[in-house]
Amino acid sequence: MKSCWIVSNQHSSVLEYKDVPMPEPKAGEVVIKTHASSLNRGELIVGSVVHGGPLKLGGGDGAGVVHQVGAGVTGFKVGDPVYGRINGGWAEYTAARAEQLTLKPERMSWEQAASIGVAFLTAYELIYPPYGKLKKGETLLVAGASSGVGVAAVQIGKALGCTVIGTSGSADKIAKLKAVGMDHGIQTRNPDFAAQCKELTGGKGVDLAINLVGGSVFAELVRSLARKGRIGIVGYVDGVLKAELDLNALHANRFEVFGVSNSKATAEEKAEAMRCFIRDVAPMLADGRIVPVVDKVFAFDDLPAAKRYVESDTQMGKVVVRVQ
């Protein structure tokens, strides 16, 4: 079968197509015929370039039809349409842990479903307990709001009944983000937004700040917080892995700083996150309260062009590849 792999090359990554055998499901797994998969900055930039990773099959999420069911799997049958986190969606067939999948609603396209697994699960963990603990009526700040995770966070935050502030360097992206629920947009690529956040919140500051940019804006996010505010770290597209930390502000205001990453997450941690996501957010996706934002769809043969598009930082939402 046809597949596409990410190959690390010093400070960049390239894609390589390979013909590989079809996967066989292990116990607890299903094999799906992949209809669509998305591109995630985490594997293109962080996993392959920042940290330097081995050759790996691309595509951490996707959607398709169950083709085979492994031993011990009871929740799915052959022919079921599913989506979620998978083990390499850039392939005609791929294996996935059954507990990382859920049924695709009929109203949702394959491309929309394929854009959920990584972005929405990450946004979910950033926002919900035990980490972000965002509550109705609080204020959420998303730095770098036009990314896949950023848009998902904006949509979830708004669905929870929160005020949502986002930063972006593009006026066009801010307009599009407001169309999907963002209340206030701050057009900037610099760490200069704390004063505006305080002004927008009547001097209080934001309750939860999500950092999708990196170390260059971390200190400014701290300055944007309300008392007992929280900061979630998930991305560093700026390549800055270190930042100033005002320990007095952290201590005096009882701030919390946490990170969300799957790189060292255990199978049980991933399973628990998916179970809670299915309980809390999947119903909003199923009934249309939240509609995944797909920026652009590429053909399977055009994955290198899709990668270049993601790296150009012009997207708003998710970039998806149509496999079948």
C-alpha atoms as a PDB file:
ATOM      1  CA  MET A   1       0.000   0.000   0.000  1.00  0.00           C
ATOM      2  CA  LYS A   2       1.042   3.608  -0.520  1.00  0.00           C
ATOM      3  CA  SER A   3       2.280   5.593   2.494  1.00  0.00           C
ATOM      4  CA  CYS A   4       4.153   8.827   3.202  1.00  0.00           C
ATOM      5  CA  TRP A   5       6.917   9.191   5.799  1.00  0.00           C
ATOM      6  CA  ILE A   6       8.546  12.156   7.557  1.00  0.00           C
ATOM      7  CA  VAL A   7      12.347  12.130   7.288  1.00  0.00           C
ATOM      8  CA  SER A   8      14.373  14.443   9.559  1.00  0.00           C
ATOM      9  CA  ASN A   9      17.212  16.282   7.860  1.00  0.00           C
ATOM     10  CA  GLN A  10      19.175  18.397  10.354  1.00  0.00           C
ATOM     11  CA  HIS A  11      17.050  21.544  10.767  1.00  0.00           C
ATOM     12  CA  SER A  12      14.263  20.554   8.397  1.00  0.00           C
ATOM     13  CA  SER A  13      12.114  17.607   7.441  1.00  0.00           C
ATOM     14  CA  VAL A  14      11.218  16.108   4.090  1.00  0.00           C
ATOM     15  CA  LEU A  15       8.526  13.672   2.991  1.00  0.00           C
ATOM     16  CA  GLU A  16       9.145  10.323   1.331  1.00  0.00           C
ATOM     17  CA  TYR A  17       6.575   8.002  -0.213  1.00  0.00           C
ATOM     18  CA  LYS A  18       6.990   4.268   0.401  1.00  0.00           C
ATOM     19  CA  ASP A  19       5.178   1.112  -0.634  1.00  0.00           C
ATOM     20  CA  VAL A  20       4.700  -0.908   2.563  1.00  0.00           C
ATOM     21  CA  PRO A  21       2.632  -3.955   3.598  1.00  0.00           C
ATOM     22  CA  MET A  22      -0.864  -3.432   4.929  1.00  0.00           C
ATOM     23  CA  PRO A  23      -0.963  -3.427   8.747  1.00  0.00           C
ATOM     24  CA  GLU A  24      -2.463  -6.292  10.708  1.00  0.00           C
ATOM     25  CA  PRO A  25      -4.431  -5.377  13.847  1.00  0.00           C
ATOM     26  CA  LYS A  26      -2.866  -6.304  17.180  1.00  0.00           C
ATOM     27  CA  ALA A  27      -5.000  -7.059  20.204  1.00  0.00           C
ATOM     28  CA  GLY A  28      -7.035  -3.967  21.064  1.00  0.00           C
ATOM     29  CA  GLU A  29      -6.508  -2.402  17.638  1.00  0.00           C
ATOM     30  CA  VAL A  30      -8.533  -1.876  14.497  1.00  0.00           C
ATOM     31  CA  VAL A  31      -7.258  -1.335  10.971  1.00  0.00           C
ATOM     32  CA  ILE A  32      -9.074   1.390   9.097  1.00  0.00           C
ATOM     33  CA  LYS A  33      -9.230   2.224   5.411  1.00  0.00           C
ATOM     34  CA  THR A  34      -8.093   5.834   5.603  1.00  0.00           C
ATOM     35  CA  HIS A  35     -10.300   8.409   3.910  1.00  0.00           C
ATOM     36  CA  ALA A  36      -8.540  11.540   5.190  1.00  0.00           C
ATOM     37  CA  SER A  37      -5.812  12.650   7.564  1.00  0.00           C
ATOM     38  CA  SER A  38      -4.529  16.041   8.678  1.00  0.00           C
ATOM     39  CA  LEU A  39      -1.155  17.744   8.992  1.00  0.00           C
ATOM     40  CA  ASN A  40       0.031  18.690  12.475  1.00  0.00           C
ATOM     41  CA  ARG A  41       2.780  21.149  13.257  1.00  0.00           C
ATOM     42  CA  GLY A  42       3.780  18.994  16.206  1.00  0.00           C
ATOM     43  CA  GLU A  43       5.094  16.217  14.021  1.00  0.00           C
ATOM     44  CA  LEU A  44       6.342  18.396  11.167  1.00  0.00           C
ATOM     45  CA  ILE A  45       8.189  20.955  13.292  1.00  0.00           C
ATOM     46  CA  VAL A  46       8.529  19.859  16.913  1.00  0.00           C
ATOM     47  CA  GLY A  47       8.806  16.100  16.608  1.00  0.00           C
ATOM     48  CA  SER A  48      10.982  16.082  13.504  1.00  0.00           C
ATOM     49  CA  VAL A  49      12.984  19.307  13.600  1.00  0.00           C
ATOM     50  CA  VAL A  50      13.160  20.804  17.094  1.00  0.00           C
ATOM     51  CA  HIS A  51      13.849  17.488  18.809  1.00  0.00           C
ATOM     52  CA  GLY A  52      15.140  15.592  15.777  1.00  0.00           C
ATOM     53  CA  GLY A  53      13.192  12.403  15.269  1.00  0.00           C
ATOM     54  CA  PRO A  54      13.631   9.152  13.356  1.00  0.00           C
ATOM     55  CA  LEU A  55      11.921   8.236  10.112  1.00  0.00           C
ATOM     56  CA  LYS A  56       8.229   7.942  10.938  1.00  0.00           C
ATOM     57  CA  LEU A  57       4.928   7.421   9.176  1.00  0.00           C
ATOM     58  CA  GLY A  58       3.094  10.747   9.112  1.00  0.00           C
ATOM     59  CA  GLY A  59      -0.440  11.488  10.223  1.00  0.00           C
ATOM     60  CA  GLY A  60      -1.354  11.441  13.902  1.00  0.00           C
ATOM     61  CA  ASP A  61      -5.069  11.676  13.297  1.00  0.00           C
ATOM     62  CA  GLY A  62      -7.574  10.735  10.649  1.00  0.00           C
ATOM     63  CA  ALA A  63     -10.907   9.305   9.650  1.00  0.00           C
ATOM     64  CA  GLY A  64     -11.934   6.220   7.746  1.00  0.00           C
ATOM     65  CA  VAL A  65     -13.880   2.967   7.700  1.00  0.00           C
ATOM     66  CA  VAL A  66     -13.067   0.009   9.942  1.00  0.00           C
ATOM     67  CA  HIS A  67     -11.469  -2.681   7.752  1.00  0.00           C
ATOM     68  CA  GLN A  68     -10.343  -5.246  10.350  1.00  0.00           C
ATOM     69  CA  VAL A  69     -10.921  -5.693  14.072  1.00  0.00           C
ATOM     70  CA  GLY A  70      -8.255  -7.061  16.406  1.00  0.00           C
ATOM     71  CA  ALA A  71      -8.705  -9.426  19.321  1.00  0.00           C
ATOM     72  CA  GLY A  72     -10.569  -8.016  22.300  1.00  0.00           C
ATOM     73  CA  VAL A  73     -12.184  -5.118  20.449  1.00  0.00           C
ATOM     74  CA  THR A  74     -15.917  -4.930  21.141  1.00  0.00           C
ATOM     75  CA  GLY A  75     -16.841  -1.305  20.436  1.00  0.00           C
ATOM     76  CA  PHE A  76     -16.446  -1.351  16.653  1.00  0.00           C
ATOM     77  CA  LYS A  77     -17.264  -3.622  13.721  1.00  0.00           C
ATOM     78  CA  VAL A  78     -16.126  -3.814  10.104  1.00  0.00           C
ATOM     79  CA  GLY A  79     -17.710  -0.997   8.085  1.00  0.00           C
ATOM     80  CA  ASP A  80     -18.046   1.513  10.954  1.00  0.00           C
ATOM     81  CA  PRO A  81     -17.051   5.120  10.063  1.00  0.00           C
ATOM     82  CA  VAL A  82     -14.621   6.378  12.716  1.00  0.00           C
ATOM     83  CA  TYR A  83     -12.255   9.215  13.550  1.00  0.00           C
ATOM     84  CA  GLY A  84      -9.611   9.907  16.174  1.00  0.00           C
ATOM     85  CA  ARG A  85      -5.913   9.595  16.910  1.00  0.00           C
ATOM     86  CA  ILE A  86      -4.292   6.951  14.730  1.00  0.00           C
ATOM     87  CA  ASN A  87      -0.870   5.443  14.084  1.00  0.00           C
ATOM     88  CA  GLY A  88       0.001   7.019  10.753  1.00  0.00           C
ATOM     89  CA  GLY A  89      -2.857   8.439   8.729  1.00  0.00           C
ATOM     90  CA  TRP A  90      -0.704   9.133   5.690  1.00  0.00           C
ATOM     91  CA  ALA A  91      -1.324   5.644   4.388  1.00  0.00           C
ATOM     92  CA  GLU A  92      -4.113   3.877   2.538  1.00  0.00           C
ATOM     93  CA  TYR A  93      -4.687   1.654   5.581  1.00  0.00           C
ATOM     94  CA  THR A  94      -3.616   2.343   9.132  1.00  0.00           C
ATOM     95  CA  ALA A  95      -3.842   0.783  12.588  1.00  0.00           C
ATOM     96  CA  ALA A  96      -5.275   2.518  15.629  1.00  0.00           C
ATOM     97  CA  ARG A  97      -5.954   1.698  19.247  1.00  0.00           C
ATOM     98  CA  ALA A  98      -9.701   1.175  19.579  1.00  0.00           C
ATOM     99  CA  GLU A  99      -9.868   3.418  22.643  1.00  0.00           C
ATOM    100  CA  GLN A 100      -8.524   6.326  20.564  1.00  0.00           C
ATOM    101  CA  LEU A 101     -11.442   6.221  18.121  1.00  0.00           C
ATOM    102  CA  THR A 102     -15.084   7.196  18.104  1.00  0.00           C
ATOM    103  CA  LEU A 103     -17.881   6.954  15.536  1.00  0.00           C
ATOM    104  CA  LYS A 104     -18.086   9.677  12.888  1.00  0.00           C
ATOM    105  CA  PRO A 105     -21.442  11.490  12.825  1.00  0.00           C
ATOM    106  CA  GLU A 106     -23.207  11.359   9.460  1.00  0.00           C
ATOM    107  CA  ARG A 107     -23.377  15.154   9.270  1.00  0.00           C
ATOM    108  CA  MET A 108     -19.578  15.429   9.426  1.00  0.00           C
ATOM    109  CA  SER A 109     -17.407  15.127   6.305  1.00  0.00           C
ATOM    110  CA  TRP A 110     -14.350  12.881   6.215  1.00  0.00           C
ATOM    111  CA  GLU A 111     -12.137  15.952   6.025  1.00  0.00           C
ATOM    112  CA  GLN A 112     -13.776  17.577   9.054  1.00  0.00           C
ATOM    113  CA  ALA A 113     -13.525  14.350  11.044  1.00  0.00           C
ATOM    114  CA  ALA A 114      -9.872  13.904  10.083  1.00  0.00           C
ATOM    115  CA  SER A 115      -9.040  17.332  11.534  1.00  0.00           C
ATOM    116  CA  ILE A 116     -10.249  16.536  15.064  1.00  0.00           C
ATOM    117  CA  GLY A 117      -8.008  13.887  16.617  1.00  0.00           C
ATOM    118  CA  VAL A 118      -4.845  15.806  17.512  1.00  0.00           C
ATOM    119  CA  ALA A 119      -6.018  19.440  17.492  1.00  0.00           C
ATOM    120  CA  PHE A 120      -9.230  19.014  19.463  1.00  0.00           C
ATOM    121  CA  LEU A 121      -7.813  16.478  21.918  1.00  0.00           C
ATOM    122  CA  THR A 122      -4.920  18.844  22.636  1.00  0.00           C
ATOM    123  CA  ALA A 123      -7.253  21.832  23.040  1.00  0.00           C
ATOM    124  CA  TYR A 124      -9.488  19.729  25.279  1.00  0.00           C
ATOM    125  CA  GLU A 125      -6.648  18.834  27.637  1.00  0.00           C
ATOM    126  CA  LEU A 126      -5.518  22.473  27.725  1.00  0.00           C
ATOM    127  CA  ILE A 127      -8.969  23.727  28.672  1.00  0.00           C
ATOM    128  CA  TYR A 128     -10.648  21.074  30.827  1.00  0.00           C
ATOM    129  CA  PRO A 129      -9.655  19.671  34.243  1.00  0.00           C
ATOM    130  CA  PRO A 130      -7.255  18.631  35.603  1.00  0.00           C
ATOM    131  CA  TYR A 131      -5.214  21.278  33.765  1.00  0.00           C
ATOM    132  CA  GLY A 132      -6.885  24.396  32.326  1.00  0.00           C
ATOM    133  CA  LYS A 133     -10.024  24.167  34.507  1.00  0.00           C
ATOM    134  CA  LEU A 134     -11.781  26.820  32.428  1.00  0.00           C
ATOM    135  CA  LYS A 135     -15.277  27.629  33.666  1.00  0.00           C
ATOM    136  CA  LYS A 136     -18.269  29.415  32.182  1.00  0.00           C
ATOM    137  CA  GLY A 137     -17.885  33.174  32.511  1.00  0.00           C
ATOM    138  CA  GLU A 138     -14.074  33.136  32.616  1.00  0.00           C
ATOM    139  CA  THR A 139     -11.745  34.610  29.993  1.00  0.00           C
ATOM    140  CA  LEU A 140      -9.538  32.551  27.693  1.00  0.00           C
ATOM    141  CA  LEU A 141      -6.534  33.962  25.839  1.00  0.00           C
ATOM    142  CA  VAL A 142      -5.139  31.991  22.881  1.00  0.00           C
ATOM    143  CA  ALA A 143      -1.729  33.175  21.660  1.00  0.00           C
ATOM    144  CA  GLY A 144      -1.385  32.024  18.059  1.00  0.00           C
ATOM    145  CA  ALA A 145      -5.100  31.425  17.659  1.00  0.00           C
ATOM    146  CA  SER A 146      -5.176  30.589  13.944  1.00  0.00           C
ATOM    147  CA  SER A 147      -3.453  27.207  14.253  1.00  0.00           C
ATOM    148  CA  GLY A 148      -5.442  23.978  14.321  1.00  0.00           C
ATOM    149  CA  VAL A 149      -5.209  23.732  18.122  1.00  0.00           C
ATOM    150  CA  GLY A 150      -5.838  27.465  18.446  1.00  0.00           C
ATOM    151  CA  VAL A 151      -9.056  27.415  16.441  1.00  0.00           C
ATOM    152  CA  ALA A 152     -10.251  24.339  18.352  1.00  0.00           C
ATOM    153  CA  ALA A 153      -9.505  26.110  21.652  1.00  0.00           C
ATOM    154  CA  VAL A 154     -11.419  29.207  20.517  1.00  0.00           C
ATOM    155  CA  GLN A 155     -14.425  27.080  19.562  1.00  0.00           C
ATOM    156  CA  ILE A 156     -14.414  25.004  22.757  1.00  0.00           C
ATOM    157  CA  GLY A 157     -13.939  28.082  24.941  1.00  0.00           C
ATOM    158  CA  LYS A 158     -16.857  29.844  23.298  1.00  0.00           C
ATOM    159  CA  ALA A 159     -19.048  26.727  23.564  1.00  0.00           C
ATOM    160  CA  LEU A 160     -18.328  26.704  27.315  1.00  0.00           C
ATOM    161  CA  GLY A 161     -19.706  30.242  27.636  1.00  0.00           C
ATOM    162  CA  CYS A 162     -16.373  32.036  28.054  1.00  0.00           C
ATOM    163  CA  THR A 163     -15.001  35.275  26.668  1.00  0.00           C
ATOM    164  CA  VAL A 164     -12.285  34.423  24.146  1.00  0.00           C
ATOM    165  CA  ILE A 165      -9.340  36.657  23.201  1.00  0.00           C
ATOM    166  CA  GLY A 166      -6.896  35.612  20.492  1.00  0.00           C
ATOM    167  CA  THR A 167      -3.693  36.934  18.991  1.00  0.00           C
ATOM    168  CA  SER A 168      -2.629  36.714  15.351  1.00  0.00           C
ATOM    169  CA  GLY A 169      -0.382  38.703  13.084  1.00  0.00           C
ATOM    170  CA  SER A 170      -3.018  38.707  10.343  1.00  0.00           C
ATOM    171  CA  ALA A 171      -6.080  40.953  10.228  1.00  0.00           C
ATOM    172  CA  ASP A 172      -7.712  38.494   7.818  1.00  0.00           C
ATOM    173  CA  LYS A 173      -7.216  35.595  10.244  1.00  0.00           C
ATOM    174  CA  ILE A 174      -8.632  37.645  13.112  1.00  0.00           C
ATOM    175  CA  ALA A 175     -11.759  38.317  11.050  1.00  0.00           C
ATOM    176  CA  LYS A 176     -12.133  34.606  10.305  1.00  0.00           C
ATOM    177  CA  LEU A 177     -11.576  33.709  13.971  1.00  0.00           C
ATOM    178  CA  LYS A 178     -14.316  36.125  15.025  1.00  0.00           C
ATOM    179  CA  ALA A 179     -16.635  34.354  12.586  1.00  0.00           C
ATOM    180  CA  VAL A 180     -16.138  31.090  14.526  1.00  0.00           C
ATOM    181  CA  GLY A 181     -16.629  32.593  17.975  1.00  0.00           C
ATOM    182  CA  MET A 182     -13.625  34.654  19.066  1.00  0.00           C
ATOM    183  CA  ASP A 183     -14.776  37.773  20.930  1.00  0.00           C
ATOM    184  CA  HIS A 184     -11.660  39.954  20.731  1.00  0.00           C
ATOM    185  CA  GLY A 185      -8.707  39.816  18.359  1.00  0.00           C
ATOM    186  CA  ILE A 186      -5.312  41.398  18.989  1.00  0.00           C
ATOM    187  CA  GLN A 187      -3.292  41.796  15.801  1.00  0.00           C
ATOM    188  CA  THR A 188       0.346  41.281  16.748  1.00  0.00           C
ATOM    189  CA  ARG A 189       3.306  38.964  16.346  1.00  0.00           C
ATOM    190  CA  ASN A 190       5.120  40.503  19.301  1.00  0.00           C
ATOM    191  CA  PRO A 191       4.959  40.168  23.101  1.00  0.00           C
ATOM    192  CA  ASP A 192       2.979  43.389  23.514  1.00  0.00           C
ATOM    193  CA  PHE A 193      -0.582  42.298  24.234  1.00  0.00           C
ATOM    194  CA  ALA A 194      -0.825  42.179  28.063  1.00  0.00           C
ATOM    195  CA  ALA A 195      -2.081  45.749  28.406  1.00  0.00           C
ATOM    196  CA  GLN A 196      -4.864  45.104  25.899  1.00  0.00           C
ATOM    197  CA  CYS A 197      -5.855  41.908  27.710  1.00  0.00           C
ATOM    198  CA  LYS A 198      -6.081  43.816  30.978  1.00  0.00           C
ATOM    199  CA  GLU A 199      -8.132  46.552  29.304  1.00  0.00           C
ATOM    200  CA  LEU A 200     -10.516  44.014  27.723  1.00  0.00           C
ATOM    201  CA  THR A 201     -11.072  42.372  31.111  1.00  0.00           C
ATOM    202  CA  GLY A 202     -11.612  45.557  33.112  1.00  0.00           C
ATOM    203  CA  GLY A 203      -8.146  45.345  34.640  1.00  0.00           C
ATOM    204  CA  LYS A 204      -8.566  41.781  35.916  1.00  0.00           C
ATOM    205  CA  GLY A 205      -6.589  39.804  33.346  1.00  0.00           C
ATOM    206  CA  VAL A 206      -7.320  36.461  31.729  1.00  0.00           C
ATOM    207  CA  ASP A 207      -8.083  33.269  33.631  1.00  0.00           C
ATOM    208  CA  LEU A 208      -6.438  30.850  31.211  1.00  0.00           C
ATOM    209  CA  ALA A 209      -3.773  31.593  28.601  1.00  0.00           C
ATOM    210  CA  ILE A 210      -2.772  29.043  25.967  1.00  0.00           C
ATOM    211  CA  ASN A 211       0.709  29.426  24.495  1.00  0.00           C
ATOM    212  CA  LEU A 212       0.876  28.151  20.913  1.00  0.00           C
ATOM    213  CA  VAL A 213       3.747  30.478  19.981  1.00  0.00           C
ATOM    214  CA  GLY A 214       6.645  29.655  22.299  1.00  0.00           C
ATOM    215  CA  GLY A 215       9.157  31.209  24.644  1.00  0.00           C
ATOM    216  CA  SER A 216       9.112  34.620  22.984  1.00  0.00           C
ATOM    217  CA  VAL A 217       5.640  35.389  24.400  1.00  0.00           C
ATOM    218  CA  PHE A 218       5.719  33.475  27.693  1.00  0.00           C
ATOM    219  CA  ALA A 219       6.603  36.441  29.948  1.00  0.00           C
ATOM    220  CA  GLU A 220       3.880  38.526  28.280  1.00  0.00           C
ATOM    221  CA  LEU A 221       1.342  35.766  28.946  1.00  0.00           C
ATOM    222  CA  VAL A 222       2.293  35.853  32.630  1.00  0.00           C
ATOM    223  CA  ARG A 223       1.695  39.613  32.616  1.00  0.00           C
ATOM    224  CA  SER A 224      -1.745  39.008  31.040  1.00  0.00           C
ATOM    225  CA  LEU A 225      -3.034  36.727  33.807  1.00  0.00           C
ATOM    226  CA  ALA A 226      -5.632  37.385  36.462  1.00  0.00           C
ATOM    227  CA  ARG A 227      -4.962  36.232  40.009  1.00  0.00           C
ATOM    228  CA  LYS A 228      -4.997  32.417  40.115  1.00  0.00           C
ATOM    229  CA  GLY A 229      -4.554  32.418  36.344  1.00  0.00           C
ATOM    230  CA  ARG A 230      -3.229  29.422  34.436  1.00  0.00           C
ATOM    231  CA  ILE A 231      -0.871  29.093  31.448  1.00  0.00           C
ATOM    232  CA  GLY A 232      -0.884  26.029  29.218  1.00  0.00           C
ATOM    233  CA  ILE A 233       2.194  25.370  27.073  1.00  0.00           C
ATOM    234  CA  VAL A 234       1.704  23.350  23.906  1.00  0.00           C
ATOM    235  CA  GLY A 235       3.737  24.816  21.067  1.00  0.00           C
ATOM    236  CA  TYR A 236       6.855  26.756  20.154  1.00  0.00           C
ATOM    237  CA  VAL A 237       6.659  27.580  16.474  1.00  0.00           C
ATOM    238  CA  ASP A 238       9.005  30.500  17.217  1.00  0.00           C
ATOM    239  CA  GLY A 239      11.710  27.950  18.066  1.00  0.00           C
ATOM    240  CA  VAL A 240      12.315  29.635  21.440  1.00  0.00           C
ATOM    241  CA  LEU A 241      12.446  26.933  24.111  1.00  0.00           C
ATOM    242  CA  LYS A 242      13.473  29.091  27.072  1.00  0.00           C
ATOM    243  CA  ALA A 243      11.781  32.083  28.676  1.00  0.00           C
ATOM    244  CA  GLU A 244      11.941  34.518  31.569  1.00  0.00           C
ATOM    245  CA  LEU A 245       9.818  33.494  34.562  1.00  0.00           C
ATOM    246  CA  ASP A 246       8.796  36.097  37.143  1.00  0.00           C
ATOM    247  CA  LEU A 247       8.857  33.944  40.278  1.00  0.00           C
ATOM    248  CA  ASN A 248       7.441  36.713  42.450  1.00  0.00           C
ATOM    249  CA  ALA A 249       4.405  37.116  40.180  1.00  0.00           C
ATOM    250  CA  LEU A 250       3.956  33.342  40.067  1.00  0.00           C
ATOM    251  CA  HIS A 251       4.166  33.073  43.839  1.00  0.00           C
ATOM    252  CA  ALA A 252       2.140  36.122  44.857  1.00  0.00           C
ATOM    253  CA  ASN A 253      -0.727  35.486  42.442  1.00  0.00           C
ATOM    254  CA  ARG A 254      -0.898  31.693  42.773  1.00  0.00           C
ATOM    255  CA  PHE A 255      -0.392  31.213  39.060  1.00  0.00           C
ATOM    256  CA  GLU A 256      -0.245  27.728  37.560  1.00  0.00           C
ATOM    257  CA  VAL A 257       1.924  26.728  34.589  1.00  0.00           C
ATOM    258  CA  PHE A 258       1.480  23.372  32.855  1.00  0.00           C
ATOM    259  CA  GLY A 259       2.305  21.642  29.607  1.00  0.00           C
ATOM    260  CA  VAL A 260       0.297  19.361  27.338  1.00  0.00           C
ATOM    261  CA  SER A 261       2.141  16.912  25.097  1.00  0.00           C
ATOM    262  CA  ASN A 262       1.645  13.366  23.884  1.00  0.00           C
ATOM    263  CA  SER A 263       5.354  12.673  23.456  1.00  0.00           C
ATOM    264  CA  LYS A 264       5.638  10.938  26.836  1.00  0.00           C
ATOM    265  CA  ALA A 265       1.958  10.247  27.544  1.00  0.00           C
ATOM    266  CA  THR A 266       1.186   6.680  28.563  1.00  0.00           C
ATOM    267  CA  ALA A 267      -1.415   4.568  26.788  1.00  0.00           C
ATOM    268  CA  GLU A 268      -3.723   4.908  29.790  1.00  0.00           C
ATOM    269  CA  GLU A 269      -3.313   8.703  29.888  1.00  0.00           C
ATOM    270  CA  LYS A 270      -4.206   8.904  26.200  1.00  0.00           C
ATOM    271  CA  ALA A 271      -7.174   6.579  26.705  1.00  0.00           C
ATOM    272  CA  GLU A 272      -8.476   8.618  29.643  1.00  0.00           C
ATOM    273  CA  ALA A 273      -8.193  11.864  27.662  1.00  0.00           C
ATOM    274  CA  MET A 274     -10.162  10.322  24.798  1.00  0.00           C
ATOM    275  CA  ARG A 275     -12.857   8.952  27.126  1.00  0.00           C
ATOM    276  CA  CYS A 276     -13.350  12.387  28.661  1.00  0.00           C
ATOM    277  CA  PHE A 277     -13.289  14.093  25.254  1.00  0.00           C
ATOM    278  CA  ILE A 278     -16.012  11.731  24.003  1.00  0.00           C
ATOM    279  CA  ARG A 279     -18.068  12.637  27.073  1.00  0.00           C
ATOM    280  CA  ASP A 280     -17.529  16.407  27.053  1.00  0.00           C
ATOM    281  CA  VAL A 281     -16.796  17.659  23.519  1.00  0.00           C
ATOM    282  CA  ALA A 282     -17.750  14.975  20.982  1.00  0.00           C
ATOM    283  CA  PRO A 283     -21.488  15.680  21.545  1.00  0.00           C
ATOM    284  CA  MET A 284     -20.890  19.339  20.546  1.00  0.00           C
ATOM    285  CA  LEU A 285     -19.237  18.155  17.338  1.00  0.00           C
ATOM    286  CA  ALA A 286     -21.982  15.608  16.664  1.00  0.00           C
ATOM    287  CA  ASP A 287     -24.869  18.086  16.934  1.00  0.00           C
ATOM    288  CA  GLY A 288     -23.146  20.954  15.128  1.00  0.00           C
ATOM    289  CA  ARG A 289     -22.527  23.302  18.041  1.00  0.00           C
ATOM    290  CA  ILE A 290     -18.862  23.095  17.017  1.00  0.00           C
ATOM    291  CA  VAL A 291     -17.937  22.656  13.346  1.00  0.00           C
ATOM    292  CA  PRO A 292     -14.271  21.827  12.644  1.00  0.00           C
ATOM    293  CA  VAL A 293     -12.566  24.459  10.497  1.00  0.00           C
ATOM    294  CA  VAL A 294     -10.795  22.960   7.482  1.00  0.00           C
ATOM    295  CA  ASP A 295      -8.644  25.548   5.732  1.00  0.00           C
ATOM    296  CA  LYS A 296      -7.553  23.548   2.691  1.00  0.00           C
ATOM    297  CA  VAL A 297      -7.692  19.980   1.356  1.00  0.00           C
ATOM    298  CA  PHE A 298      -4.885  18.384  -0.668  1.00  0.00           C
ATOM    299  CA  ALA A 299      -4.698  15.144  -2.636  1.00  0.00           C
ATOM    300  CA  PHE A 300      -2.551  12.324  -1.239  1.00  0.00           C
ATOM    301  CA  ASP A 301       0.036  12.826  -3.990  1.00  0.00           C
ATOM    302  CA  ASP A 302       0.280  16.498  -3.041  1.00  0.00           C
ATOM    303  CA  LEU A 303       1.408  16.014   0.585  1.00  0.00           C
ATOM    304  CA  PRO A 304       4.718  17.852  -0.031  1.00  0.00           C
ATOM    305  CA  ALA A 305       2.717  20.869  -1.231  1.00  0.00           C
ATOM    306  CA  ALA A 306       0.465  20.563   1.826  1.00  0.00           C
ATOM    307  CA  LYS A 307       3.545  20.543   4.068  1.00  0.00           C
ATOM    308  CA  ARG A 308       4.883  23.692   2.384  1.00  0.00           C
ATOM    309  CA  TYR A 309       1.501  25.348   2.856  1.00  0.00           C
ATOM    310  CA  VAL A 310       1.492  24.568   6.591  1.00  0.00           C
ATOM    311  CA  GLU A 311       5.049  25.848   6.938  1.00  0.00           C
ATOM    312  CA  SER A 312       4.090  29.098   5.159  1.00  0.00           C
ATOM    313  CA  ASP A 313       1.888  29.964   8.170  1.00  0.00           C
ATOM    314  CA  THR A 314      -1.030  31.060   5.987  1.00  0.00           C
ATOM    315  CA  GLN A 315      -3.590  28.566   7.283  1.00  0.00           C
ATOM    316  CA  MET A 316      -6.529  29.246   9.591  1.00  0.00           C
ATOM    317  CA  GLY A 317      -7.653  25.939  11.043  1.00  0.00           C
ATOM    318  CA  LYS A 318      -6.603  22.550   9.703  1.00  0.00           C
ATOM    319  CA  VAL A 319      -4.926  21.398   6.507  1.00  0.00           C
ATOM    320  CA  VAL A 320      -6.163  17.956   5.438  1.00  0.00           C
ATOM    321  CA  VAL A 321      -5.033  15.345   2.917  1.00  0.00           C
ATOM    322  CA  ARG A 322      -7.672  13.214   1.182  1.00  0.00           C
ATOM    323  CA  VAL A 323      -6.239   9.678   1.107  1.00  0.00           C
ATOM    324  CA  GLN A 324      -9.094   7.675  -0.445  1.00  0.00           C
END
